[in-house]
């Protein structure tokens, strides 16, 4: 897989290093030439000193041939422009954007070419809530411009889903269980998987099905 990352800050370089270690072809675009020259010897990937907010720079860097584009700069405005150009000008199949300020989260959607928006503050908040919340639906990550979410709920005493198999739970068509964490073990969900109190149920669900999922797993 070929991945283009815009921004060679701590986030961008960490992503680049991990992807490179996993055998992917990585291209990093950074507008500060001095930073590029300093980082080039540390990581054997393709480095380009250019402004990722300019179409000509992205074209010269080879954006049209990548499978995934990551807008990872520390500026939300830049990340939105990079995402829009990657999607509209170069038809990149998957565009992932970093959200630096929670107040800008609402902008990171398909209108700006963003397939997945990752907000570190929001993710940290979700992980805290996930750790302390029982019997509540917690959003972990959003996809498709916010139309779908990865959510988690830890089943509490009295949950309507207690003792019910996934087949009998009758989830809406736009919701699916992707995993059940039971104690220290991951249970791969099947139709005959029966839910118990304390199970951490992870689902992929669209906005319009979220209320129904909450009623089924948490109750009113």
N, C-alpha and C. Protein backbone atom coordinates (compact mmCIF):
# COMPACT_ATOMS: atom_id res chain seq x y z
N UNK A 1 0.85 -1.19 0.00
CA UNK A 1 0.00 0.00 0.00
C UNK A 1 0.88 1.24 0.00
N UNK A 2 0.51 2.22 -0.80
CA UNK A 2 1.26 3.47 -0.85
C UNK A 2 0.49 4.55 -0.09
N UNK A 3 1.18 5.19 0.84
CA UNK A 3 0.54 6.17 1.70
C UNK A 3 1.29 7.50 1.61
N UNK A 4 0.55 8.58 1.44
CA UNK A 4 1.14 9.92 1.45
C UNK A 4 0.72 10.61 2.74
N UNK A 5 1.70 11.16 3.45
CA UNK A 5 1.44 11.85 4.71
C UNK A 5 1.88 13.30 4.57
N UNK A 6 0.97 14.21 4.82
CA UNK A 6 1.28 15.64 4.77
C UNK A 6 1.55 16.13 6.18
N UNK A 7 2.77 16.60 6.41
CA UNK A 7 3.14 17.08 7.73
C UNK A 7 4.16 16.16 8.39
N UNK A 8 5.34 16.71 8.68
CA UNK A 8 6.40 15.90 9.27
C UNK A 8 6.65 16.27 10.73
N UNK A 9 5.57 16.62 11.42
CA UNK A 9 5.68 16.85 12.85
C UNK A 9 5.76 15.51 13.58
N UNK A 10 5.59 15.55 14.89
CA UNK A 10 5.70 14.32 15.68
C UNK A 10 4.65 13.30 15.28
N UNK A 11 3.43 13.76 14.94
CA UNK A 11 2.37 12.84 14.55
C UNK A 11 2.66 12.22 13.19
N UNK A 12 2.97 13.07 12.21
CA UNK A 12 3.23 12.57 10.86
C UNK A 12 4.40 11.61 10.79
N UNK A 13 5.50 11.95 11.48
CA UNK A 13 6.68 11.08 11.44
C UNK A 13 6.44 9.77 12.17
N UNK A 14 5.67 9.80 13.24
CA UNK A 14 5.37 8.57 13.97
C UNK A 14 4.53 7.63 13.11
N UNK A 15 3.54 8.19 12.40
CA UNK A 15 2.73 7.38 11.49
C UNK A 15 3.58 6.81 10.38
N UNK A 16 4.45 7.66 9.82
CA UNK A 16 5.32 7.22 8.73
C UNK A 16 6.23 6.08 9.17
N UNK A 17 6.81 6.19 10.36
CA UNK A 17 7.71 5.16 10.85
C UNK A 17 6.98 3.84 11.05
N UNK A 18 5.78 3.89 11.61
CA UNK A 18 5.01 2.67 11.84
C UNK A 18 4.61 2.00 10.53
N UNK A 19 4.14 2.80 9.58
CA UNK A 19 3.73 2.23 8.29
C UNK A 19 4.92 1.65 7.54
N UNK A 20 6.05 2.35 7.59
CA UNK A 20 7.26 1.84 6.95
C UNK A 20 7.70 0.52 7.57
N UNK A 21 7.63 0.44 8.90
CA UNK A 21 8.01 -0.79 9.60
C UNK A 21 7.09 -1.95 9.24
N UNK A 22 5.86 -1.62 8.86
CA UNK A 22 4.89 -2.66 8.48
C UNK A 22 4.93 -2.99 6.99
N UNK A 23 5.93 -2.44 6.30
CA UNK A 23 6.15 -2.82 4.90
C UNK A 23 5.43 -1.99 3.86
N UNK A 24 4.87 -0.85 4.25
CA UNK A 24 4.16 -0.01 3.29
C UNK A 24 5.10 1.02 2.66
N UNK A 25 4.73 1.45 1.47
CA UNK A 25 5.49 2.50 0.78
C UNK A 25 4.98 3.85 1.27
N UNK A 26 5.87 4.64 1.83
CA UNK A 26 5.47 5.88 2.50
C UNK A 26 6.12 7.10 1.85
N UNK A 27 5.29 8.12 1.66
CA UNK A 27 5.74 9.40 1.14
C UNK A 27 5.33 10.47 2.14
N UNK A 28 6.30 11.29 2.57
CA UNK A 28 5.99 12.39 3.49
C UNK A 28 6.24 13.71 2.79
N UNK A 29 5.24 14.60 2.85
CA UNK A 29 5.34 15.92 2.25
C UNK A 29 5.38 16.96 3.37
N UNK A 30 6.44 17.75 3.41
CA UNK A 30 6.63 18.75 4.46
C UNK A 30 7.12 20.05 3.83
N UNK A 31 6.50 21.16 4.22
CA UNK A 31 6.84 22.43 3.56
C UNK A 31 8.11 23.08 4.08
N UNK A 32 8.64 22.59 5.22
CA UNK A 32 9.86 23.16 5.76
C UNK A 32 11.08 22.35 5.28
N UNK A 33 11.85 22.88 4.32
CA UNK A 33 13.00 22.13 3.78
C UNK A 33 14.01 21.73 4.85
N UNK A 34 14.24 22.60 5.84
CA UNK A 34 15.22 22.29 6.87
C UNK A 34 14.79 21.07 7.68
N UNK A 35 13.50 20.97 7.96
CA UNK A 35 12.98 19.83 8.72
C UNK A 35 13.12 18.55 7.90
N UNK A 36 12.85 18.65 6.61
CA UNK A 36 12.98 17.48 5.74
C UNK A 36 14.42 16.97 5.73
N UNK A 37 15.38 17.90 5.60
CA UNK A 37 16.78 17.49 5.55
C UNK A 37 17.24 16.90 6.88
N UNK A 38 16.68 17.39 7.97
CA UNK A 38 17.05 16.85 9.28
C UNK A 38 16.48 15.46 9.50
N UNK A 39 15.28 15.21 8.96
CA UNK A 39 14.62 13.92 9.19
C UNK A 39 14.99 12.86 8.16
N UNK A 40 15.41 13.28 6.99
CA UNK A 40 15.68 12.34 5.90
C UNK A 40 16.61 11.19 6.31
N UNK A 41 17.71 11.46 7.02
CA UNK A 41 18.61 10.35 7.38
C UNK A 41 18.03 9.40 8.43
N UNK A 42 16.97 9.82 9.11
CA UNK A 42 16.43 9.01 10.20
C UNK A 42 15.43 7.96 9.75
N UNK A 43 14.90 8.11 8.54
CA UNK A 43 13.85 7.20 8.07
C UNK A 43 13.95 7.02 6.56
N UNK A 44 14.10 5.78 6.13
CA UNK A 44 14.32 5.47 4.72
C UNK A 44 13.00 5.39 3.96
N UNK A 45 12.39 6.55 3.76
CA UNK A 45 11.15 6.67 3.00
C UNK A 45 11.34 7.80 1.99
N UNK A 46 10.31 8.11 1.23
CA UNK A 46 10.39 9.21 0.27
C UNK A 46 10.00 10.52 0.96
N UNK A 47 10.90 11.49 0.92
CA UNK A 47 10.66 12.80 1.52
C UNK A 47 10.54 13.85 0.42
N UNK A 48 9.55 14.71 0.55
CA UNK A 48 9.37 15.79 -0.43
C UNK A 48 9.20 17.10 0.33
N UNK A 49 10.04 18.07 0.02
CA UNK A 49 9.92 19.40 0.61
C UNK A 49 9.02 20.24 -0.28
N UNK A 50 7.76 20.38 0.11
CA UNK A 50 6.79 21.11 -0.72
C UNK A 50 5.58 21.47 0.13
N UNK A 51 4.79 22.38 -0.37
CA UNK A 51 3.56 22.80 0.30
C UNK A 51 2.42 21.89 -0.15
N UNK A 52 1.92 21.06 0.75
CA UNK A 52 0.87 20.09 0.41
C UNK A 52 -0.48 20.76 0.15
N UNK A 53 -0.57 22.06 0.35
CA UNK A 53 -1.82 22.78 0.06
C UNK A 53 -1.88 23.25 -1.39
N UNK A 54 -0.84 22.97 -2.16
CA UNK A 54 -0.79 23.37 -3.56
C UNK A 54 -0.94 22.16 -4.47
N UNK A 55 -1.83 22.26 -5.44
CA UNK A 55 -2.09 21.16 -6.37
C UNK A 55 -0.83 20.74 -7.10
N UNK A 56 -0.05 21.72 -7.55
CA UNK A 56 1.16 21.41 -8.32
C UNK A 56 2.16 20.61 -7.48
N UNK A 57 2.25 20.94 -6.20
CA UNK A 57 3.17 20.22 -5.32
C UNK A 57 2.72 18.78 -5.12
N UNK A 58 1.44 18.59 -4.92
CA UNK A 58 0.91 17.24 -4.73
C UNK A 58 1.07 16.41 -5.99
N UNK A 59 0.85 17.04 -7.13
CA UNK A 59 1.00 16.35 -8.41
C UNK A 59 2.44 15.90 -8.62
N UNK A 60 3.38 16.80 -8.35
CA UNK A 60 4.80 16.49 -8.51
C UNK A 60 5.25 15.41 -7.54
N UNK A 61 4.62 15.37 -6.37
CA UNK A 61 5.00 14.38 -5.36
C UNK A 61 4.43 13.00 -5.66
N UNK A 62 3.43 12.94 -6.55
CA UNK A 62 2.84 11.65 -6.90
C UNK A 62 1.59 11.30 -6.14
N UNK A 63 0.85 12.30 -5.71
CA UNK A 63 -0.38 12.05 -4.96
C UNK A 63 -1.39 11.22 -5.75
N UNK A 64 -1.37 11.32 -7.05
CA UNK A 64 -2.33 10.58 -7.87
C UNK A 64 -2.15 9.08 -7.84
N UNK A 65 -1.03 8.61 -7.31
CA UNK A 65 -0.78 7.17 -7.31
C UNK A 65 -0.90 6.53 -5.93
N UNK A 66 -1.32 7.29 -4.91
CA UNK A 66 -1.36 6.73 -3.55
C UNK A 66 -2.71 6.09 -3.26
N UNK A 67 -2.70 5.18 -2.32
CA UNK A 67 -3.93 4.50 -1.89
C UNK A 67 -4.59 5.22 -0.73
N UNK A 68 -3.77 5.83 0.12
CA UNK A 68 -4.29 6.54 1.30
C UNK A 68 -3.52 7.84 1.46
N UNK A 69 -4.25 8.91 1.76
CA UNK A 69 -3.63 10.19 2.07
C UNK A 69 -3.96 10.55 3.52
N UNK A 70 -2.94 11.02 4.24
CA UNK A 70 -3.12 11.41 5.65
C UNK A 70 -2.73 12.87 5.79
N UNK A 71 -3.69 13.70 6.17
CA UNK A 71 -3.41 15.11 6.44
C UNK A 71 -3.12 15.24 7.93
N UNK A 72 -1.84 15.34 8.27
CA UNK A 72 -1.44 15.25 9.68
C UNK A 72 -0.72 16.48 10.18
N UNK A 73 -0.97 17.62 9.57
CA UNK A 73 -0.30 18.84 10.03
C UNK A 73 -0.94 19.32 11.33
N UNK A 74 -0.32 20.31 11.94
CA UNK A 74 -0.87 20.87 13.17
C UNK A 74 -1.85 21.99 12.95
N UNK A 75 -2.27 22.18 11.70
CA UNK A 75 -3.19 23.26 11.35
C UNK A 75 -4.44 22.68 10.70
N UNK A 76 -5.58 22.89 11.30
CA UNK A 76 -6.83 22.32 10.78
C UNK A 76 -7.18 22.84 9.40
N UNK A 77 -6.93 24.12 9.16
CA UNK A 77 -7.25 24.69 7.85
C UNK A 77 -6.44 24.00 6.76
N UNK A 78 -5.14 23.80 7.04
CA UNK A 78 -4.30 23.10 6.08
C UNK A 78 -4.78 21.67 5.85
N UNK A 79 -5.15 21.00 6.91
CA UNK A 79 -5.60 19.61 6.79
C UNK A 79 -6.87 19.50 5.96
N UNK A 80 -7.74 20.47 6.08
CA UNK A 80 -8.96 20.46 5.28
C UNK A 80 -8.65 20.68 3.79
N UNK A 81 -7.77 21.62 3.51
CA UNK A 81 -7.39 21.91 2.12
C UNK A 81 -6.71 20.68 1.50
N UNK A 82 -5.79 20.09 2.25
CA UNK A 82 -5.07 18.90 1.76
C UNK A 82 -6.05 17.76 1.48
N UNK A 83 -6.99 17.56 2.38
CA UNK A 83 -7.98 16.48 2.21
C UNK A 83 -8.83 16.72 0.97
N UNK A 84 -9.28 17.95 0.80
CA UNK A 84 -10.13 18.28 -0.35
C UNK A 84 -9.37 18.08 -1.66
N UNK A 85 -8.13 18.52 -1.72
CA UNK A 85 -7.33 18.34 -2.93
C UNK A 85 -7.06 16.87 -3.21
N UNK A 86 -6.74 16.12 -2.16
CA UNK A 86 -6.45 14.69 -2.34
C UNK A 86 -7.65 13.96 -2.92
N UNK A 87 -8.83 14.30 -2.44
CA UNK A 87 -10.04 13.59 -2.88
C UNK A 87 -10.53 14.10 -4.24
N UNK A 88 -10.62 15.40 -4.40
CA UNK A 88 -11.23 15.94 -5.61
C UNK A 88 -10.28 16.02 -6.80
N UNK A 89 -9.04 16.38 -6.54
CA UNK A 89 -8.08 16.55 -7.64
C UNK A 89 -7.36 15.25 -8.01
N UNK A 90 -7.18 14.36 -7.01
CA UNK A 90 -6.39 13.15 -7.27
C UNK A 90 -7.16 11.86 -6.99
N UNK A 91 -8.43 11.98 -6.59
CA UNK A 91 -9.30 10.82 -6.37
C UNK A 91 -8.65 9.75 -5.49
N UNK A 92 -8.00 10.19 -4.42
CA UNK A 92 -7.40 9.24 -3.48
C UNK A 92 -8.51 8.44 -2.80
N UNK A 93 -8.44 7.11 -2.83
CA UNK A 93 -9.54 6.29 -2.31
C UNK A 93 -9.85 6.51 -0.83
N UNK A 94 -8.82 6.75 -0.02
CA UNK A 94 -9.02 6.89 1.42
C UNK A 94 -8.27 8.10 1.93
N UNK A 95 -9.00 9.04 2.53
CA UNK A 95 -8.38 10.25 3.06
C UNK A 95 -8.66 10.33 4.56
N UNK A 96 -7.58 10.42 5.32
CA UNK A 96 -7.67 10.50 6.78
C UNK A 96 -7.11 11.84 7.22
N UNK A 97 -7.84 12.53 8.09
CA UNK A 97 -7.40 13.87 8.49
C UNK A 97 -7.33 13.99 10.00
N UNK A 98 -6.30 14.68 10.44
CA UNK A 98 -6.11 14.97 11.86
C UNK A 98 -6.90 16.22 12.22
N UNK A 99 -7.65 16.15 13.32
CA UNK A 99 -8.38 17.31 13.83
C UNK A 99 -7.64 17.81 15.07
N UNK A 100 -7.17 19.03 15.01
CA UNK A 100 -6.40 19.58 16.13
C UNK A 100 -7.27 20.25 17.17
N UNK A 101 -8.32 20.91 16.71
CA UNK A 101 -9.22 21.61 17.63
C UNK A 101 -10.62 21.00 17.56
N UNK A 102 -11.14 20.63 18.70
CA UNK A 102 -12.45 19.98 18.75
C UNK A 102 -13.53 20.87 18.14
N UNK A 103 -13.39 22.18 18.25
CA UNK A 103 -14.42 23.09 17.71
C UNK A 103 -14.51 23.01 16.19
N UNK A 104 -13.47 22.47 15.55
CA UNK A 104 -13.47 22.34 14.09
C UNK A 104 -13.92 20.96 13.61
N UNK A 105 -14.25 20.08 14.54
CA UNK A 105 -14.59 18.70 14.20
C UNK A 105 -15.69 18.62 13.15
N UNK A 106 -16.69 19.49 13.26
CA UNK A 106 -17.85 19.42 12.37
C UNK A 106 -17.49 19.67 10.91
N UNK A 107 -16.37 20.30 10.65
CA UNK A 107 -15.96 20.60 9.29
C UNK A 107 -15.38 19.38 8.57
N UNK A 108 -14.88 18.43 9.33
CA UNK A 108 -14.15 17.31 8.74
C UNK A 108 -15.13 16.22 8.29
N UNK A 109 -15.69 16.43 7.11
CA UNK A 109 -16.66 15.48 6.57
C UNK A 109 -16.42 15.29 5.08
N UNK A 110 -17.33 14.57 4.42
CA UNK A 110 -17.13 14.25 3.00
C UNK A 110 -17.13 15.49 2.11
N UNK A 111 -17.73 16.58 2.57
CA UNK A 111 -17.72 17.81 1.79
C UNK A 111 -16.30 18.34 1.60
N UNK A 112 -15.45 18.02 2.54
CA UNK A 112 -14.04 18.43 2.47
C UNK A 112 -13.15 17.26 2.07
N UNK A 113 -13.75 16.18 1.61
CA UNK A 113 -12.96 15.04 1.13
C UNK A 113 -12.47 14.10 2.21
N UNK A 114 -12.94 14.28 3.44
CA UNK A 114 -12.45 13.48 4.57
C UNK A 114 -13.28 12.20 4.71
N UNK A 115 -12.61 11.06 4.67
CA UNK A 115 -13.28 9.79 4.92
C UNK A 115 -13.28 9.45 6.41
N UNK A 116 -12.16 9.71 7.07
CA UNK A 116 -12.04 9.45 8.50
C UNK A 116 -11.35 10.64 9.16
N UNK A 117 -11.98 11.20 10.18
CA UNK A 117 -11.38 12.29 10.94
C UNK A 117 -10.95 11.77 12.30
N UNK A 118 -9.72 12.09 12.69
CA UNK A 118 -9.19 11.61 13.96
C UNK A 118 -8.87 12.82 14.83
N UNK A 119 -9.61 12.95 15.92
CA UNK A 119 -9.40 14.04 16.86
C UNK A 119 -8.79 13.45 18.13
N UNK A 120 -7.55 13.80 18.40
CA UNK A 120 -6.88 13.26 19.60
C UNK A 120 -7.60 13.64 20.88
N UNK A 121 -8.00 14.90 21.08
CA UNK A 121 -8.74 15.22 22.31
C UNK A 121 -10.04 14.44 22.42
N UNK A 122 -10.77 14.32 21.30
CA UNK A 122 -12.04 13.59 21.35
C UNK A 122 -11.81 12.11 21.61
N UNK A 123 -10.74 11.56 21.00
CA UNK A 123 -10.44 10.15 21.21
C UNK A 123 -10.04 9.90 22.66
N UNK A 124 -9.26 10.79 23.25
CA UNK A 124 -8.88 10.65 24.65
C UNK A 124 -10.10 10.70 25.55
N UNK A 125 -11.01 11.63 25.24
CA UNK A 125 -12.24 11.72 26.02
C UNK A 125 -13.05 10.43 25.92
N UNK A 126 -13.16 9.90 24.69
CA UNK A 126 -13.91 8.67 24.49
C UNK A 126 -13.29 7.50 25.25
N UNK A 127 -11.96 7.44 25.26
CA UNK A 127 -11.29 6.34 25.96
C UNK A 127 -11.49 6.45 27.47
N UNK A 128 -11.50 7.69 27.98
CA UNK A 128 -11.78 7.88 29.41
C UNK A 128 -13.20 7.43 29.72
N UNK A 129 -14.15 7.88 28.88
CA UNK A 129 -15.54 7.49 29.10
C UNK A 129 -15.73 5.98 28.99
N UNK A 130 -15.02 5.39 28.02
CA UNK A 130 -15.12 3.94 27.82
C UNK A 130 -14.62 3.19 29.05
N UNK A 131 -13.60 3.77 29.71
CA UNK A 131 -13.01 3.10 30.87
C UNK A 131 -13.90 3.18 32.10
N UNK A 132 -14.68 4.25 32.20
CA UNK A 132 -15.44 4.45 33.44
C UNK A 132 -16.94 4.29 33.26
N UNK A 133 -17.41 4.20 32.03
CA UNK A 133 -18.85 4.15 31.79
C UNK A 133 -19.35 2.72 31.65
N UNK A 134 -20.37 2.39 32.42
CA UNK A 134 -21.05 1.11 32.31
C UNK A 134 -22.51 1.40 32.01
N UNK A 135 -23.04 0.70 31.00
CA UNK A 135 -24.43 0.93 30.65
C UNK A 135 -24.65 2.22 29.89
N UNK A 136 -23.66 2.67 29.16
CA UNK A 136 -23.79 3.87 28.34
C UNK A 136 -23.09 3.65 27.02
N UNK A 137 -23.66 4.21 25.96
CA UNK A 137 -23.08 4.09 24.63
C UNK A 137 -22.02 5.17 24.45
N UNK A 138 -20.79 4.76 24.14
CA UNK A 138 -19.68 5.69 24.02
C UNK A 138 -19.16 5.66 22.58
N UNK A 139 -19.07 6.83 21.95
CA UNK A 139 -18.53 6.92 20.60
C UNK A 139 -17.01 6.92 20.66
N UNK A 140 -16.38 6.01 19.93
CA UNK A 140 -14.93 5.90 19.92
C UNK A 140 -14.30 6.57 18.70
N UNK A 141 -14.90 6.37 17.52
CA UNK A 141 -14.30 6.86 16.28
C UNK A 141 -15.40 7.02 15.25
N UNK A 142 -15.26 8.02 14.39
CA UNK A 142 -16.28 8.23 13.37
C UNK A 142 -15.70 7.95 11.99
N UNK A 143 -16.58 7.52 11.09
CA UNK A 143 -16.20 7.21 9.72
C UNK A 143 -17.17 7.88 8.76
N UNK A 144 -16.78 7.92 7.49
CA UNK A 144 -17.64 8.42 6.42
C UNK A 144 -18.24 9.78 6.75
N UNK A 145 -17.35 10.70 7.13
CA UNK A 145 -17.80 12.06 7.38
C UNK A 145 -18.76 12.18 8.54
N UNK A 146 -18.71 11.27 9.48
CA UNK A 146 -19.55 11.35 10.66
C UNK A 146 -20.84 10.58 10.54
N UNK A 147 -21.11 9.95 9.41
CA UNK A 147 -22.36 9.21 9.24
C UNK A 147 -22.35 7.86 9.96
N UNK A 148 -21.16 7.35 10.25
CA UNK A 148 -21.05 6.08 10.94
C UNK A 148 -20.04 6.22 12.07
N UNK A 149 -20.29 5.48 13.15
CA UNK A 149 -19.42 5.56 14.31
C UNK A 149 -19.04 4.17 14.80
N UNK A 150 -17.84 4.10 15.37
CA UNK A 150 -17.46 2.92 16.13
C UNK A 150 -17.83 3.25 17.57
N UNK A 151 -18.71 2.46 18.15
CA UNK A 151 -19.20 2.73 19.49
C UNK A 151 -18.96 1.53 20.39
N UNK A 152 -18.99 1.79 21.69
CA UNK A 152 -18.78 0.71 22.66
C UNK A 152 -19.75 0.89 23.82
N UNK A 153 -20.25 -0.23 24.33
CA UNK A 153 -21.07 -0.19 25.52
C UNK A 153 -20.73 -1.39 26.39
N UNK A 154 -20.54 -1.14 27.68
CA UNK A 154 -20.32 -2.21 28.64
C UNK A 154 -21.68 -2.54 29.26
N UNK A 155 -22.12 -3.77 29.08
CA UNK A 155 -23.46 -4.15 29.53
C UNK A 155 -23.56 -4.11 31.06
N UNK A 156 -24.56 -3.40 31.54
CA UNK A 156 -24.78 -3.27 32.98
C UNK A 156 -25.85 -4.26 33.44
N UNK A 157 -25.96 -4.41 34.74
CA UNK A 157 -27.04 -5.21 35.30
C UNK A 157 -28.38 -4.67 34.82
N UNK A 158 -29.24 -5.55 34.38
CA UNK A 158 -30.54 -5.13 33.90
C UNK A 158 -30.58 -4.74 32.45
N UNK A 159 -29.47 -4.91 31.74
CA UNK A 159 -29.47 -4.61 30.31
C UNK A 159 -30.45 -5.52 29.59
N UNK A 160 -31.25 -4.98 28.66
CA UNK A 160 -32.20 -5.82 27.92
C UNK A 160 -31.50 -6.85 27.04
N UNK A 161 -30.18 -6.69 26.83
CA UNK A 161 -29.44 -7.63 25.99
C UNK A 161 -28.83 -8.79 26.79
N UNK A 162 -28.94 -8.74 28.11
CA UNK A 162 -28.34 -9.78 28.94
C UNK A 162 -28.98 -11.14 28.63
N UNK A 163 -28.14 -12.13 28.32
CA UNK A 163 -28.63 -13.47 28.03
C UNK A 163 -29.23 -13.65 26.66
N UNK A 164 -29.12 -12.63 25.80
CA UNK A 164 -29.70 -12.67 24.46
C UNK A 164 -28.58 -12.93 23.45
N UNK A 165 -28.83 -13.80 22.49
CA UNK A 165 -27.85 -14.04 21.44
C UNK A 165 -27.90 -12.90 20.43
N UNK A 166 -26.81 -12.73 19.70
CA UNK A 166 -26.78 -11.67 18.70
C UNK A 166 -27.83 -11.88 17.62
N UNK A 167 -28.09 -13.13 17.29
CA UNK A 167 -29.11 -13.42 16.28
C UNK A 167 -30.49 -12.98 16.74
N UNK A 168 -30.75 -13.12 18.05
CA UNK A 168 -32.06 -12.76 18.59
C UNK A 168 -32.15 -11.29 18.99
N UNK A 169 -31.01 -10.61 18.98
CA UNK A 169 -31.01 -9.22 19.41
C UNK A 169 -31.73 -8.33 18.40
N UNK A 170 -31.73 -8.75 17.13
CA UNK A 170 -32.41 -8.03 16.06
C UNK A 170 -31.94 -6.59 15.93
N UNK A 171 -30.62 -6.47 15.76
CA UNK A 171 -30.06 -5.15 15.52
C UNK A 171 -30.54 -4.61 14.17
N UNK A 172 -30.62 -3.28 14.02
CA UNK A 172 -30.99 -2.71 12.72
C UNK A 172 -29.94 -3.06 11.66
N UNK A 173 -30.33 -3.02 10.41
CA UNK A 173 -29.45 -3.43 9.32
C UNK A 173 -28.21 -2.55 9.23
N UNK A 174 -28.31 -1.32 9.69
CA UNK A 174 -27.17 -0.40 9.61
C UNK A 174 -26.33 -0.39 10.88
N UNK A 175 -26.38 -1.48 11.63
CA UNK A 175 -25.55 -1.64 12.81
C UNK A 175 -25.03 -3.07 12.85
N UNK A 176 -23.76 -3.23 13.22
CA UNK A 176 -23.20 -4.57 13.30
C UNK A 176 -22.21 -4.65 14.45
N UNK A 177 -22.22 -5.77 15.15
CA UNK A 177 -21.27 -5.99 16.24
C UNK A 177 -19.96 -6.47 15.62
N UNK A 178 -18.87 -5.77 15.92
CA UNK A 178 -17.58 -6.13 15.35
C UNK A 178 -16.69 -6.85 16.36
N UNK A 179 -17.07 -6.83 17.63
CA UNK A 179 -16.28 -7.54 18.62
C UNK A 179 -16.94 -7.48 19.99
N UNK A 180 -16.67 -8.50 20.80
CA UNK A 180 -17.14 -8.53 22.18
C UNK A 180 -15.94 -8.84 23.07
N UNK A 181 -15.62 -7.93 23.98
CA UNK A 181 -14.51 -8.15 24.91
C UNK A 181 -15.09 -8.67 26.21
N UNK A 182 -14.68 -9.88 26.57
CA UNK A 182 -15.20 -10.53 27.78
C UNK A 182 -14.02 -10.88 28.68
N UNK A 183 -13.87 -10.09 29.74
CA UNK A 183 -12.70 -10.27 30.59
C UNK A 183 -11.45 -9.86 29.82
N UNK A 184 -10.51 -10.81 29.72
CA UNK A 184 -9.27 -10.54 28.98
C UNK A 184 -9.30 -11.11 27.58
N UNK A 185 -10.46 -11.55 27.13
CA UNK A 185 -10.54 -12.24 25.85
C UNK A 185 -11.44 -11.50 24.86
N UNK A 186 -11.05 -11.57 23.60
CA UNK A 186 -11.88 -11.05 22.53
C UNK A 186 -12.73 -12.18 21.97
N UNK A 187 -14.03 -11.99 21.98
CA UNK A 187 -14.96 -12.96 21.42
C UNK A 187 -15.35 -12.49 20.02
N UNK A 188 -15.01 -13.29 19.02
CA UNK A 188 -15.41 -12.96 17.66
C UNK A 188 -16.92 -13.19 17.54
N UNK A 189 -17.67 -12.16 17.22
CA UNK A 189 -19.13 -12.28 17.25
C UNK A 189 -19.68 -13.22 16.18
N UNK A 190 -20.62 -14.07 16.61
CA UNK A 190 -21.38 -14.93 15.71
C UNK A 190 -22.84 -14.85 16.12
N UNK A 191 -23.69 -15.40 15.32
CA UNK A 191 -25.11 -15.34 15.62
C UNK A 191 -25.47 -15.96 16.95
N UNK A 192 -24.74 -17.03 17.35
CA UNK A 192 -25.08 -17.71 18.60
C UNK A 192 -24.32 -17.16 19.81
N UNK A 193 -23.56 -16.07 19.63
CA UNK A 193 -22.87 -15.44 20.75
C UNK A 193 -23.89 -14.81 21.68
N UNK A 194 -23.88 -15.24 22.93
CA UNK A 194 -24.84 -14.73 23.92
C UNK A 194 -24.16 -13.70 24.80
N UNK A 195 -24.79 -12.56 24.97
CA UNK A 195 -24.21 -11.46 25.72
C UNK A 195 -24.44 -11.61 27.22
N UNK A 196 -23.45 -11.14 27.99
CA UNK A 196 -23.51 -11.22 29.45
C UNK A 196 -23.18 -9.87 30.06
N UNK A 197 -23.58 -9.69 31.32
CA UNK A 197 -23.26 -8.46 32.05
C UNK A 197 -21.74 -8.33 32.14
N UNK A 198 -21.24 -7.13 31.87
CA UNK A 198 -19.80 -6.88 31.89
C UNK A 198 -19.15 -6.99 30.53
N UNK A 199 -19.86 -7.55 29.56
CA UNK A 199 -19.31 -7.62 28.20
C UNK A 199 -19.13 -6.21 27.63
N UNK A 200 -18.00 -5.98 26.99
CA UNK A 200 -17.79 -4.74 26.26
C UNK A 200 -18.12 -5.02 24.80
N UNK A 201 -19.22 -4.48 24.34
CA UNK A 201 -19.70 -4.73 22.98
C UNK A 201 -19.30 -3.57 22.09
N UNK A 202 -18.56 -3.88 21.02
CA UNK A 202 -18.09 -2.85 20.09
C UNK A 202 -18.88 -3.00 18.79
N UNK A 203 -19.46 -1.90 18.32
CA UNK A 203 -20.31 -1.93 17.14
C UNK A 203 -19.92 -0.83 16.16
N UNK A 204 -20.20 -1.08 14.90
CA UNK A 204 -20.16 -0.06 13.86
C UNK A 204 -21.60 0.27 13.55
N UNK A 205 -21.97 1.54 13.70
CA UNK A 205 -23.38 1.91 13.60
C UNK A 205 -23.53 3.27 12.94
N UNK A 206 -24.57 3.44 12.15
CA UNK A 206 -24.85 4.73 11.54
C UNK A 206 -25.65 5.59 12.50
N UNK A 207 -25.66 6.90 12.24
CA UNK A 207 -26.36 7.82 13.12
C UNK A 207 -27.83 7.46 13.30
N UNK A 208 -28.48 7.08 12.19
CA UNK A 208 -29.92 6.86 12.27
C UNK A 208 -30.28 5.59 13.06
N UNK A 209 -29.29 4.73 13.29
CA UNK A 209 -29.57 3.49 14.03
C UNK A 209 -29.09 3.55 15.47
N UNK A 210 -28.43 4.62 15.84
CA UNK A 210 -27.79 4.69 17.15
C UNK A 210 -28.79 4.62 18.30
N UNK A 211 -29.92 5.33 18.17
CA UNK A 211 -30.92 5.32 19.23
C UNK A 211 -31.50 3.92 19.45
N UNK A 212 -31.74 3.22 18.35
CA UNK A 212 -32.28 1.86 18.45
C UNK A 212 -31.28 0.92 19.10
N UNK A 213 -30.01 1.07 18.72
CA UNK A 213 -28.96 0.24 19.32
C UNK A 213 -28.87 0.50 20.83
N UNK A 214 -28.97 1.76 21.20
CA UNK A 214 -28.92 2.09 22.62
C UNK A 214 -30.08 1.47 23.38
N UNK A 215 -31.26 1.48 22.80
CA UNK A 215 -32.42 0.86 23.47
C UNK A 215 -32.22 -0.64 23.63
N UNK A 216 -31.63 -1.28 22.63
CA UNK A 216 -31.44 -2.73 22.67
C UNK A 216 -30.38 -3.15 23.68
N UNK A 217 -29.33 -2.35 23.82
CA UNK A 217 -28.22 -2.72 24.68
C UNK A 217 -28.26 -2.08 26.06
N UNK A 218 -28.81 -0.88 26.11
CA UNK A 218 -28.80 -0.12 27.36
C UNK A 218 -30.20 -0.01 27.97
N UNK A 219 -31.18 0.15 27.09
CA UNK A 219 -32.54 0.39 27.56
C UNK A 219 -32.83 1.87 27.49
N UNK A 220 -33.99 2.26 27.82
CA UNK A 220 -34.38 3.65 27.71
C UNK A 220 -33.76 4.50 28.84
